[in-house]
Amino acid sequence: MRFYVRTVDETLRPVIPTALANVRQGIHDAVQGFSGGRLETIIEEGTEARPETVGWINVEILKEIPGGDYCGVATRVSGNPMTIKLRLDACGCGSNRLPADIVIHEVGHAMGLFHVEGDNAIMAASLPSHCRAVRPSPMETHHAQLMYLRPRGNRDPDRDPTTFTLSFPGLASPGAPGRPLTPRPPGSRVLRRDVR
């Protein structure tokens, strides 16, 4: 995943180095954690404003996010292109002026994750405290990594390439690979069968 991080805010003042370090770390942690290490992170930085470009996620660090009192906003879920806006200072805690968990949350949206229930979930709609570090829960990580297990080149979520096989040890295959199952005659019943 390719990110462009703008290193100045909306007034063209340089973003403090510790906030930039948290943004870099948050991007890296989110991409590695949510993809199970399957995706590479590329980060470019600069002072110029870039228009949204296919294949890139723009990251803007702002004093104010237009339209609301937000810590972070992603322009869309799983958008390509898209922009992530992060709010400096108002959502920090002490000297940590832009926590990495806010970055991880917004990058989660970029990777296709929606909001979930639960105060301890990184993808919760709101975080309980900016002073408490929240990381992806085991459930969130598991489900996010499932999204990135699909074979490369697969374009249909319900159709695997012919080289892809799935087997369950101990269970007999109901039909030969690539052959449809024989339909049941009308009025027939499926009886429960124990598998040992």
Foldseek 3Di string as FASTA:
>chain_A
DEEEEAQAAPVLHGDDPLQVVLLVVLLVCLVCLLQVNPDDYHYHYYNDDDDQAFPYEYEHEYQDDPPDDDQKDWPAALDGYTYIYGHFQVLADVPGRRHSLRSSLRVNSNLHDAADDDQQASRHPDHPHNVDDHDHDPVSSVVSNVVNPADPPDDDPVDHPPVDDDDDPQDDDQDDPPDDHDDDDPPDDDDDDDGD
